[in-house]
């Protein structure tokens, strides 16, 4: 799969992004270089991962997908 769930602890950076999530939660981290294109795609990813996330974290993931390191 392109995406997999992983645990994030306070202060740990989103794997492919520049921003940090300051809460304990499971997020979905990209495993390949494809960028998340839109919010609908994010929702599909979250659903397929069977992970229940607060909206804030979903938005962090979405935002971070556009700030990949070169």
N, C-alpha and C. Protein backbone atom coordinates (compact mmCIF):
# COMPACT_ATOMS: atom_id res chain seq x y z
N UNK A 1 0.83 -1.21 0.00
CA UNK A 1 0.00 0.00 0.00
C UNK A 1 0.87 1.27 0.00
N UNK A 2 0.36 2.32 -0.57
CA UNK A 2 1.11 3.57 -0.62
C UNK A 2 1.17 4.21 0.77
N UNK A 3 0.12 4.01 1.55
CA UNK A 3 0.04 4.65 2.86
C UNK A 3 -0.10 3.61 3.95
N UNK A 4 0.45 3.91 5.12
CA UNK A 4 0.26 3.03 6.27
C UNK A 4 0.09 3.87 7.53
N UNK A 5 -0.62 3.31 8.49
CA UNK A 5 -0.81 4.02 9.75
C UNK A 5 0.44 3.88 10.60
N UNK A 6 0.77 4.91 11.34
CA UNK A 6 1.86 4.80 12.29
C UNK A 6 1.58 5.71 13.48
N UNK A 7 2.16 5.39 14.61
CA UNK A 7 1.91 6.18 15.80
C UNK A 7 2.82 7.40 15.82
N UNK A 8 2.26 8.53 16.24
CA UNK A 8 3.02 9.76 16.36
C UNK A 8 2.93 10.25 17.79
N UNK A 9 4.08 10.56 18.38
CA UNK A 9 4.10 11.04 19.75
C UNK A 9 4.33 12.55 19.74
N UNK A 10 4.09 13.23 20.87
CA UNK A 10 4.21 14.70 20.89
C UNK A 10 5.56 15.17 20.36
N UNK A 11 5.52 16.16 19.48
CA UNK A 11 6.74 16.76 18.97
C UNK A 11 7.36 16.05 17.78
N UNK A 12 6.82 14.90 17.41
CA UNK A 12 7.37 14.17 16.27
C UNK A 12 6.85 14.76 14.97
N UNK A 13 7.76 14.98 14.03
CA UNK A 13 7.35 15.59 12.77
C UNK A 13 6.59 14.59 11.89
N UNK A 14 5.66 15.14 11.13
CA UNK A 14 4.99 14.34 10.12
C UNK A 14 6.08 13.87 9.16
N UNK A 15 6.03 12.60 8.77
CA UNK A 15 7.19 12.00 8.12
C UNK A 15 7.62 12.70 6.84
N UNK A 16 6.63 13.10 6.01
CA UNK A 16 7.01 13.75 4.76
C UNK A 16 6.73 15.24 4.78
N UNK A 17 6.44 15.77 5.97
CA UNK A 17 6.08 17.17 6.06
C UNK A 17 6.98 17.95 6.99
N UNK A 18 6.74 19.24 7.08
CA UNK A 18 7.56 20.10 7.90
C UNK A 18 6.92 20.42 9.25
N UNK A 19 5.62 20.18 9.37
CA UNK A 19 4.93 20.56 10.59
C UNK A 19 4.89 19.42 11.60
N UNK A 20 4.73 19.77 12.87
CA UNK A 20 4.66 18.78 13.93
C UNK A 20 3.23 18.63 14.41
N UNK A 21 2.92 17.43 14.91
CA UNK A 21 1.63 17.21 15.55
C UNK A 21 1.90 17.00 17.03
N UNK A 22 1.36 17.85 17.87
CA UNK A 22 1.68 17.83 19.30
C UNK A 22 0.71 17.02 20.13
N UNK A 23 0.22 15.91 19.59
CA UNK A 23 -0.69 15.05 20.35
C UNK A 23 -0.36 13.59 20.07
N UNK A 24 -0.80 12.70 20.94
CA UNK A 24 -0.66 11.27 20.68
C UNK A 24 -1.79 10.83 19.77
N UNK A 25 -1.45 10.29 18.60
CA UNK A 25 -2.48 9.88 17.65
C UNK A 25 -1.87 9.02 16.58
N UNK A 26 -2.72 8.31 15.86
CA UNK A 26 -2.26 7.58 14.69
C UNK A 26 -2.53 8.44 13.47
N UNK A 27 -1.54 8.56 12.60
CA UNK A 27 -1.73 9.27 11.34
C UNK A 27 -1.38 8.33 10.20
N UNK A 28 -1.66 8.78 8.99
CA UNK A 28 -1.32 7.99 7.81
C UNK A 28 -0.13 8.67 7.13
N UNK A 29 0.95 7.91 6.97
CA UNK A 29 2.18 8.49 6.43
C UNK A 29 2.46 7.94 5.03
N UNK A 30 2.78 8.81 4.08
CA UNK A 30 3.11 8.34 2.73
C UNK A 30 4.35 7.44 2.75
N UNK A 31 4.29 6.38 1.96
CA UNK A 31 5.44 5.49 1.82
C UNK A 31 6.14 5.69 0.49
N UNK A 32 5.47 6.33 -0.46
CA UNK A 32 6.08 6.64 -1.75
C UNK A 32 5.98 8.15 -2.00
N UNK A 33 6.50 8.59 -3.13
CA UNK A 33 6.65 10.02 -3.37
C UNK A 33 5.38 10.73 -3.83
N UNK A 34 4.30 9.96 -4.09
CA UNK A 34 3.09 10.62 -4.55
C UNK A 34 2.58 11.59 -3.49
N UNK A 35 2.16 12.75 -3.93
CA UNK A 35 1.61 13.72 -2.99
C UNK A 35 0.10 13.54 -2.89
N UNK A 36 -0.43 13.86 -1.74
CA UNK A 36 -1.88 13.85 -1.57
C UNK A 36 -2.43 15.01 -2.38
N UNK A 37 -3.36 14.72 -3.28
CA UNK A 37 -3.83 15.74 -4.22
C UNK A 37 -4.96 16.59 -3.68
N UNK A 38 -5.84 16.01 -2.87
CA UNK A 38 -6.99 16.78 -2.42
C UNK A 38 -7.59 16.16 -1.17
N UNK A 39 -8.53 16.87 -0.57
CA UNK A 39 -9.09 16.44 0.70
C UNK A 39 -9.85 15.12 0.56
N UNK A 40 -10.48 14.91 -0.58
CA UNK A 40 -11.21 13.66 -0.80
C UNK A 40 -10.26 12.48 -0.73
N UNK A 41 -9.09 12.64 -1.33
CA UNK A 41 -8.08 11.59 -1.30
C UNK A 41 -7.65 11.32 0.15
N UNK A 42 -7.49 12.38 0.93
CA UNK A 42 -7.11 12.22 2.33
C UNK A 42 -8.15 11.39 3.06
N UNK A 43 -9.42 11.72 2.85
CA UNK A 43 -10.48 10.99 3.53
C UNK A 43 -10.48 9.52 3.13
N UNK A 44 -10.24 9.25 1.86
CA UNK A 44 -10.18 7.86 1.40
C UNK A 44 -9.02 7.12 2.05
N UNK A 45 -7.90 7.80 2.19
CA UNK A 45 -6.73 7.21 2.84
C UNK A 45 -7.04 6.88 4.29
N UNK A 46 -7.65 7.83 4.99
CA UNK A 46 -7.96 7.62 6.40
C UNK A 46 -8.94 6.47 6.56
N UNK A 47 -9.95 6.41 5.71
CA UNK A 47 -10.93 5.34 5.78
C UNK A 47 -10.28 3.99 5.51
N UNK A 48 -9.41 3.93 4.50
CA UNK A 48 -8.80 2.66 4.14
C UNK A 48 -7.84 2.18 5.23
N UNK A 49 -7.31 3.11 5.99
CA UNK A 49 -6.39 2.76 7.07
C UNK A 49 -7.14 2.35 8.33
N UNK A 50 -8.45 2.55 8.34
CA UNK A 50 -9.27 2.22 9.50
C UNK A 50 -8.73 2.89 10.76
N UNK A 51 -8.41 4.16 10.64
CA UNK A 51 -7.89 4.92 11.76
C UNK A 51 -8.83 6.08 12.01
N UNK A 52 -9.24 6.25 13.27
CA UNK A 52 -10.14 7.33 13.62
C UNK A 52 -9.32 8.54 14.07
N UNK A 53 -9.34 9.59 13.26
CA UNK A 53 -8.51 10.76 13.55
C UNK A 53 -9.35 12.01 13.80
N UNK A 54 -8.90 12.84 14.72
CA UNK A 54 -9.51 14.16 14.83
C UNK A 54 -9.30 14.92 13.52
N UNK A 55 -10.23 15.79 13.20
CA UNK A 55 -10.14 16.56 11.97
C UNK A 55 -8.83 17.34 11.89
N UNK A 56 -8.36 17.86 13.01
CA UNK A 56 -7.14 18.65 13.02
C UNK A 56 -5.96 17.86 12.48
N UNK A 57 -5.89 16.59 12.86
CA UNK A 57 -4.77 15.77 12.41
C UNK A 57 -4.89 15.45 10.93
N UNK A 58 -6.13 15.20 10.49
CA UNK A 58 -6.34 14.97 9.06
C UNK A 58 -5.89 16.19 8.26
N UNK A 59 -6.20 17.38 8.77
CA UNK A 59 -5.79 18.60 8.08
C UNK A 59 -4.28 18.77 8.12
N UNK A 60 -3.64 18.40 9.22
CA UNK A 60 -2.18 18.45 9.29
C UNK A 60 -1.56 17.57 8.22
N UNK A 61 -2.12 16.36 8.10
CA UNK A 61 -1.61 15.43 7.10
C UNK A 61 -1.77 16.01 5.70
N UNK A 62 -2.93 16.56 5.44
CA UNK A 62 -3.21 17.16 4.13
C UNK A 62 -2.26 18.30 3.85
N UNK A 63 -2.06 19.18 4.83
CA UNK A 63 -1.18 20.34 4.65
C UNK A 63 0.27 19.88 4.48
N UNK A 64 0.68 18.93 5.28
CA UNK A 64 2.08 18.47 5.24
C UNK A 64 2.42 17.82 3.91
N UNK A 65 1.42 17.27 3.24
CA UNK A 65 1.68 16.58 1.98
C UNK A 65 2.17 17.55 0.90
N UNK A 66 1.95 18.84 1.11
CA UNK A 66 2.39 19.84 0.14
C UNK A 66 3.72 20.47 0.52
N UNK A 67 4.32 20.00 1.61
CA UNK A 67 5.58 20.58 2.05
C UNK A 67 6.69 19.53 2.13
N UNK A 68 6.72 18.66 1.13
CA UNK A 68 7.75 17.63 1.09
C UNK A 68 9.13 18.27 0.96
N UNK A 69 10.10 17.63 1.57
CA UNK A 69 11.48 18.11 1.41
C UNK A 69 11.99 17.73 0.03
N UNK A 70 12.71 18.64 -0.57
CA UNK A 70 13.22 18.37 -1.93
C UNK A 70 14.37 17.36 -1.88
